[in-house]
């Protein structure tokens, strides 16, 4: 039971931040919508005043009251934009205490957000008609490689991802939750994500959850202050693979991760004396500075072929699957048997 989000020109990534299957909007959900709208409106270096944040929050709350009371209004960005333009703006003009454009420039807000409204350049992004309630999905994948360099789309996508997990984290009681951020350091290091990451790592365990980050680039760890302040300081479990190619940089890694000399020696011993007759890799696991060791990880040939990232091996699996009418499972089983038999000869 899962959903896979990715971006292509033919099928661009699409969300609906205003949709919930039960019309339940808690404080965190409302705040995440406001954060999303502020991100769409203001650039990273622009200051947001209390009046701007307050008025936008009031507009979001009023719109939510509308859609909860009148289910004929479809919750989506399009109807929110129309409410902001046609209703909220006029209500502001009727107030006894006027809000000047210098305090809250709603016209500028509407102009900036217009590209996400019907007919705009990014009208697909926040108006998904699939109405998928991510809270109920057990497995969700966001593939963001195609948008990581798009300064308009990337901040929106990352905020929606974090909001989806934090909503799960807080609302699903007694269920283990996990977020795994793999090779997405540009997302983590962005200003829009900094507060989310700090909040996540300080609170996730309290809600029976865990956060995992994965990288192959050591420089990502060394250079990011968010990693140092938020992730490393709040991560009791650290797992490192073979670090021989980073030996000249390892002093920096050691300092950043707070490793002892014993732990450093353990890590640099990985895969140094492996049994040539067995297919395995070694890995170092450290638990809160109290316990650490190097372990051998060995899997069956079937599992190895399922998860291998070696191009020649992946091609071999896919070619065999093509011969079997697309049956990848049978292809893996056949190749595993053949490789075991060849090894015995």
Protein backbone atom coordinates (compact mmCIF):
# COMPACT_ATOMS: atom_id res chain seq x y z
CA UNK A 1 0.00 0.00 0.00
CA UNK A 2 2.09 2.90 -1.26
CA UNK A 3 2.54 5.73 -3.71
CA UNK A 4 5.47 6.86 -5.87
CA UNK A 5 5.93 10.54 -6.74
CA UNK A 6 8.31 11.57 -9.50
CA UNK A 7 8.63 14.36 -12.05
CA UNK A 8 8.65 14.07 -15.82
CA UNK A 9 7.61 16.57 -18.46
CA UNK A 10 4.80 14.24 -19.48
CA UNK A 11 3.63 13.60 -15.91
CA UNK A 12 4.85 16.37 -13.59
CA UNK A 13 4.77 15.88 -9.84
CA UNK A 14 1.50 17.04 -8.33
CA UNK A 15 0.12 17.48 -4.80
CA UNK A 16 -2.90 18.88 -3.02
CA UNK A 17 -1.82 20.39 0.32
CA UNK A 18 -5.43 21.30 1.16
CA UNK A 19 -6.79 17.77 0.91
CA UNK A 20 -7.49 15.47 3.86
CA UNK A 21 -9.92 12.59 3.68
CA UNK A 22 -11.55 13.55 7.00
CA UNK A 23 -11.42 17.38 6.78
CA UNK A 24 -9.22 17.40 9.88
CA UNK A 25 -6.77 20.30 9.95
CA UNK A 26 -4.74 20.42 13.15
CA UNK A 27 -2.42 23.27 14.12
CA UNK A 28 0.60 21.67 12.42
CA UNK A 29 -1.32 21.13 9.18
CA UNK A 30 -2.47 24.75 9.10
CA UNK A 31 1.00 26.02 9.88
CA UNK A 32 2.55 23.85 7.18
CA UNK A 33 0.13 25.31 4.61
CA UNK A 34 1.11 28.81 5.73
CA UNK A 35 4.80 27.94 5.50
CA UNK A 36 4.25 26.60 2.00
CA UNK A 37 2.42 29.75 0.88
CA UNK A 38 5.07 32.02 2.40
CA UNK A 39 7.74 30.05 0.56
CA UNK A 40 5.86 30.51 -2.70
CA UNK A 41 5.48 34.22 -2.03
CA UNK A 42 8.81 35.30 -0.58
CA UNK A 43 12.35 34.51 -1.68
CA UNK A 44 14.77 33.07 0.88
CA UNK A 45 16.42 36.44 1.61
CA UNK A 46 13.16 38.41 2.02
CA UNK A 47 11.96 39.27 5.53
CA UNK A 48 8.47 38.14 6.57
CA UNK A 49 6.69 40.48 8.99
CA UNK A 50 4.32 39.43 11.75
CA UNK A 51 1.49 41.18 9.93
CA UNK A 52 2.14 39.25 6.70
CA UNK A 53 2.35 35.91 8.50
CA UNK A 54 -0.71 36.76 10.59
CA UNK A 55 -2.89 37.82 7.67
CA UNK A 56 -1.92 34.80 5.60
CA UNK A 57 -2.68 32.56 8.58
CA UNK A 58 -6.08 34.20 8.96
CA UNK A 59 -6.80 33.69 5.26
CA UNK A 60 -5.89 29.99 5.53
CA UNK A 61 -8.06 29.52 8.62
CA UNK A 62 -11.02 31.27 6.98
CA UNK A 63 -10.67 29.16 3.84
CA UNK A 64 -10.51 25.95 5.90
CA UNK A 65 -13.71 26.99 7.71
CA UNK A 66 -15.32 27.48 4.30
CA UNK A 67 -14.40 24.08 2.86
CA UNK A 68 -15.35 22.30 6.10
CA UNK A 69 -18.76 23.96 6.07
CA UNK A 70 -19.39 23.68 2.33
CA UNK A 71 -18.21 20.40 0.79
CA UNK A 72 -19.23 21.60 -2.67
CA UNK A 73 -16.04 23.69 -2.65
CA UNK A 74 -13.19 21.45 -3.81
CA UNK A 75 -10.19 21.81 -1.47
CA UNK A 76 -7.21 22.76 -3.65
CA UNK A 77 -4.95 25.69 -4.40
CA UNK A 78 -7.24 26.98 -7.17
CA UNK A 79 -10.21 27.49 -4.86
CA UNK A 80 -7.96 28.92 -2.13
CA UNK A 81 -6.58 31.45 -4.61
CA UNK A 82 -10.10 32.41 -5.68
CA UNK A 83 -11.14 32.79 -2.03
CA UNK A 84 -8.13 34.99 -1.34
CA UNK A 85 -8.80 37.12 -4.42
CA UNK A 86 -12.58 37.40 -4.36
CA UNK A 87 -13.55 37.11 -0.69
CA UNK A 88 -10.70 37.75 1.73
CA UNK A 89 -9.40 40.82 -0.11
CA UNK A 90 -12.87 42.41 -0.02
CA UNK A 91 -13.29 41.53 3.66
CA UNK A 92 -10.03 43.35 4.40
CA UNK A 93 -11.39 46.49 2.73
CA UNK A 94 -14.44 46.48 5.03
CA UNK A 95 -12.48 46.41 8.28
CA UNK A 96 -12.60 49.30 10.71
CA UNK A 97 -8.84 49.07 11.17
CA UNK A 98 -7.40 49.17 7.68
CA UNK A 99 -4.44 47.02 6.66
CA UNK A 100 -2.27 49.01 4.28
CA UNK A 101 -0.46 47.47 1.33
CA UNK A 102 2.82 48.34 3.02
CA UNK A 103 1.80 46.09 5.94
CA UNK A 104 0.31 43.27 3.86
CA UNK A 105 0.45 43.58 0.09
CA UNK A 106 -2.25 41.12 -0.88
CA UNK A 107 -2.07 42.27 -4.51
CA UNK A 108 1.61 41.36 -4.64
CA UNK A 109 0.80 38.02 -3.00
CA UNK A 110 -1.88 37.26 -5.60
CA UNK A 111 0.41 38.27 -8.45
CA UNK A 112 3.23 36.05 -7.19
CA UNK A 113 0.95 33.06 -6.57
CA UNK A 114 -0.82 33.37 -9.92
CA UNK A 115 1.69 31.06 -11.64
CA UNK A 116 0.40 28.21 -9.42
CA UNK A 117 -3.25 29.03 -10.22
CA UNK A 118 -5.34 27.67 -13.08
CA UNK A 119 -3.67 28.48 -16.42
CA UNK A 120 -0.37 29.43 -14.80
CA UNK A 121 3.04 27.96 -15.51
CA UNK A 122 2.92 25.66 -12.46
CA UNK A 123 -0.84 25.17 -12.16
CA UNK A 124 -0.32 21.39 -11.93
CA UNK A 125 1.78 21.49 -8.77
CA UNK A 126 -0.78 22.12 -6.01
CA UNK A 127 -4.01 21.07 -7.68
CA UNK A 128 -3.78 17.30 -7.87
CA UNK A 129 -7.17 15.71 -8.49
CA UNK A 130 -6.04 12.27 -7.32
CA UNK A 131 -6.95 13.17 -3.73
CA UNK A 132 -4.40 10.85 -2.16
CA UNK A 133 -4.38 11.09 1.61
CA UNK A 134 -0.73 10.41 2.42
CA UNK A 135 -1.56 9.76 6.06
CA UNK A 136 -3.06 6.38 5.15
CA UNK A 137 -0.22 5.26 2.84
CA UNK A 138 2.31 2.91 4.42
CA UNK A 139 5.10 3.47 1.90
CA UNK A 140 5.75 6.75 0.05
CA UNK A 141 8.63 7.52 -2.30
CA UNK A 142 9.47 11.02 -3.49
CA UNK A 143 11.93 11.04 -6.41
CA UNK A 144 13.19 14.64 -6.57
CA UNK A 145 16.28 14.42 -8.79
CA UNK A 146 14.48 16.12 -11.68
CA UNK A 147 13.47 19.18 -9.64
CA UNK A 148 16.46 19.67 -7.34
CA UNK A 149 17.86 22.46 -9.53
CA UNK A 150 14.51 24.18 -10.11
CA UNK A 151 14.38 27.10 -7.68
CA UNK A 152 10.60 27.44 -8.06
CA UNK A 153 9.58 23.80 -7.64
CA UNK A 154 12.25 22.43 -5.32
CA UNK A 155 11.37 24.42 -2.16
CA UNK A 156 7.70 23.53 -2.56
CA UNK A 157 8.33 19.82 -3.02
CA UNK A 158 10.67 19.58 -0.03
CA UNK A 159 8.23 21.36 2.28
CA UNK A 160 5.37 19.08 1.20
CA UNK A 161 7.56 16.02 1.84
CA UNK A 162 8.41 17.15 5.37
CA UNK A 163 4.81 18.12 6.11
CA UNK A 164 3.62 14.69 4.99
CA UNK A 165 5.99 12.91 7.35
CA UNK A 166 5.45 15.22 10.32
CA UNK A 167 1.70 14.74 9.90
CA UNK A 168 2.20 10.96 9.99
CA UNK A 169 4.59 11.26 12.92
CA UNK A 170 2.15 13.17 15.10
CA UNK A 171 -1.16 11.53 14.14
CA UNK A 172 -0.34 7.81 13.84
CA UNK A 173 -0.25 6.65 17.44
CA UNK A 174 1.58 3.46 18.40
CA UNK A 175 2.87 2.83 14.87
CA UNK A 176 6.56 2.92 13.96
CA UNK A 177 7.29 5.75 11.50
CA UNK A 178 10.46 6.18 9.48
CA UNK A 179 11.78 8.81 7.08
CA UNK A 180 14.82 7.93 5.00
CA UNK A 181 16.53 10.77 3.13
CA UNK A 182 18.91 9.27 0.59
CA UNK A 183 21.33 11.36 -1.45
CA UNK A 184 19.17 14.45 -0.93
CA UNK A 185 21.63 16.68 0.86
CA UNK A 186 20.77 19.68 -1.26
CA UNK A 187 17.26 19.45 0.13
CA UNK A 188 18.46 19.11 3.71
CA UNK A 189 20.92 21.99 3.41
CA UNK A 190 18.41 24.49 2.02
CA UNK A 191 17.18 27.29 4.26
CA UNK A 192 13.57 26.18 3.80
CA UNK A 193 14.34 22.76 5.26
CA UNK A 194 16.58 23.79 8.16
CA UNK A 195 13.81 24.33 10.71
CA UNK A 196 12.02 21.14 9.63
CA UNK A 197 15.17 19.05 10.05
CA UNK A 198 15.95 20.52 13.47
CA UNK A 199 12.38 19.94 14.64
CA UNK A 200 12.30 16.44 13.18
CA UNK A 201 15.49 15.21 14.81
CA UNK A 202 14.61 16.62 18.21
CA UNK A 203 11.10 15.16 18.34
CA UNK A 204 10.90 12.09 16.09
CA UNK A 205 11.75 9.52 18.78
CA UNK A 206 9.08 10.92 21.08
CA UNK A 207 6.50 9.92 18.47
CA UNK A 208 7.83 6.37 17.98
CA UNK A 209 9.65 7.36 14.82
CA UNK A 210 13.13 7.44 13.41
CA UNK A 211 14.98 9.53 10.85
CA UNK A 212 17.76 8.16 8.66
CA UNK A 213 20.02 10.03 6.25
CA UNK A 214 22.31 8.38 3.70
CA UNK A 215 25.14 9.87 1.66
CA UNK A 216 28.11 8.72 -0.40
CA UNK A 217 29.82 12.12 -0.38
CA UNK A 218 31.90 12.90 2.69
CA UNK A 219 32.05 16.60 1.78
CA UNK A 220 28.28 16.76 2.27
CA UNK A 221 28.77 15.81 5.91
CA UNK A 222 31.73 18.05 6.57
CA UNK A 223 30.43 21.22 4.93
CA UNK A 224 26.79 21.40 6.08
CA UNK A 225 26.12 23.22 9.38
CA UNK A 226 22.60 21.78 9.42
CA UNK A 227 24.04 18.27 9.42
CA UNK A 228 26.35 19.12 12.29
CA UNK A 229 23.83 20.98 14.45
CA UNK A 230 20.72 18.92 13.81
CA UNK A 231 21.53 15.47 12.53
CA UNK A 232 24.83 14.34 14.01
CA UNK A 233 24.17 15.76 17.48
CA UNK A 234 20.85 13.91 17.65
CA UNK A 235 21.87 10.61 16.04
CA UNK A 236 22.88 7.86 18.46
CA UNK A 237 23.41 5.26 15.73
CA UNK A 238 26.01 5.80 13.01
CA UNK A 239 26.80 3.34 10.21
CA UNK A 240 29.85 3.71 7.97
CA UNK A 241 30.97 1.64 4.99
CA UNK A 242 34.47 1.36 3.50
CA UNK A 243 36.24 4.71 3.97
CA UNK A 244 39.65 3.93 2.47
CA UNK A 245 39.31 6.44 -0.36
CA UNK A 246 38.72 9.18 2.23
CA UNK A 247 41.74 8.38 4.38
CA UNK A 248 43.32 11.78 3.67
CA UNK A 249 40.11 13.52 4.77
CA UNK A 250 39.29 11.26 7.67
CA UNK A 251 40.53 13.59 10.40
CA UNK A 252 37.74 15.99 9.45
CA UNK A 253 35.21 13.17 9.43
CA UNK A 254 36.46 11.94 12.79
CA UNK A 255 36.10 15.40 14.32
CA UNK A 256 32.65 15.96 12.82
CA UNK A 257 31.29 12.58 14.00
CA UNK A 258 33.07 12.75 17.35
CA UNK A 259 34.84 9.42 16.84
CA UNK A 260 37.43 8.06 19.25
CA UNK A 261 40.81 6.74 18.08
CA UNK A 262 39.56 3.20 18.66
CA UNK A 263 36.51 3.84 16.47
CA UNK A 264 38.70 5.43 13.79
CA UNK A 265 40.92 2.34 13.72
CA UNK A 266 37.90 0.07 13.45
CA UNK A 267 36.49 2.05 10.52
CA UNK A 268 39.76 2.16 8.60
CA UNK A 269 40.10 -1.63 8.98
CA UNK A 270 36.90 -2.28 7.00
CA UNK A 271 37.36 -4.79 4.12
CA UNK A 272 41.10 -5.02 4.72
CA UNK A 273 41.26 -8.76 5.36
CA UNK A 274 38.14 -10.31 3.82
CA UNK A 275 37.80 -14.00 3.03
CA UNK A 276 38.22 -14.23 -0.79
CA UNK A 277 36.01 -17.32 -0.92
CA UNK A 278 32.93 -15.54 0.42
CA UNK A 279 30.84 -12.70 -1.03
CA UNK A 280 30.39 -10.14 1.73
CA UNK A 281 31.18 -6.56 2.71
CA UNK A 282 32.07 -5.18 6.10
CA UNK A 283 30.32 -2.32 7.85
CA UNK A 284 31.01 -0.33 11.02
CA UNK A 285 28.17 0.34 13.46
CA UNK A 286 28.55 2.72 16.38
CA UNK A 287 25.93 3.13 19.10
CA UNK A 288 26.06 6.38 21.04
CA UNK A 289 29.80 6.27 21.63
CA UNK A 290 29.27 3.35 24.03
CA UNK A 291 29.59 0.37 21.72
CA UNK A 292 31.03 -0.13 18.25
CA UNK A 293 32.25 -2.96 16.04
CA UNK A 294 32.88 -4.02 12.45
CA UNK A 295 30.38 -6.54 11.10
CA UNK A 296 30.30 -8.66 7.94
CA UNK A 297 27.11 -8.33 5.91
CA UNK A 298 26.41 -11.36 3.75
CA UNK A 299 23.18 -12.01 1.86
CA UNK A 300 21.88 -14.73 -0.42
CA UNK A 301 22.67 -14.54 -4.12
CA UNK A 302 18.97 -13.86 -4.77
CA UNK A 303 19.01 -10.84 -2.48
CA UNK A 304 22.31 -9.65 -3.89
CA UNK A 305 20.96 -9.68 -7.45
CA UNK A 306 17.80 -7.91 -6.31
CA UNK A 307 19.62 -4.92 -4.84
CA UNK A 308 22.89 -4.76 -6.76
CA UNK A 309 23.81 -1.36 -8.20
CA UNK A 310 26.47 -2.74 -10.54
CA UNK A 311 25.39 -1.84 -14.08
CA UNK A 312 26.54 -5.10 -15.70
CA UNK A 313 24.68 -7.17 -13.11
CA UNK A 314 21.50 -5.11 -13.46
CA UNK A 315 21.64 -5.49 -17.24
CA UNK A 316 22.11 -9.24 -16.84
CA UNK A 317 19.00 -9.46 -14.65
CA UNK A 318 16.88 -7.33 -16.97
CA UNK A 319 17.99 -9.22 -20.08
CA UNK A 320 17.03 -12.52 -18.47
CA UNK A 321 13.71 -11.05 -17.35
CA UNK A 322 13.02 -9.91 -20.92
CA UNK A 323 13.58 -13.49 -22.10
CA UNK A 324 11.02 -14.61 -19.51
CA UNK A 325 8.34 -12.13 -20.53
CA UNK A 326 9.24 -9.57 -17.89
CA UNK A 327 9.30 -11.99 -14.93
CA UNK A 328 12.06 -10.42 -12.81
CA UNK A 329 11.59 -12.77 -9.85
CA UNK A 330 12.14 -15.90 -11.95
CA UNK A 331 15.09 -14.24 -13.71
CA UNK A 332 16.76 -13.59 -10.35
CA UNK A 333 16.14 -17.15 -9.17
CA UNK A 334 17.60 -18.65 -12.36
CA UNK A 335 20.70 -16.43 -12.31
CA UNK A 336 21.29 -17.14 -8.62
CA UNK A 337 21.21 -20.90 -9.23
CA UNK A 338 23.58 -20.56 -12.19
CA UNK A 339 26.05 -18.44 -10.24
CA UNK A 340 26.07 -20.84 -7.30
CA UNK A 341 26.64 -23.80 -9.65
CA UNK A 342 29.47 -21.98 -11.43
CA UNK A 343 31.10 -21.22 -8.10
CA UNK A 344 31.15 -24.94 -7.21
CA UNK A 345 33.01 -25.88 -10.40
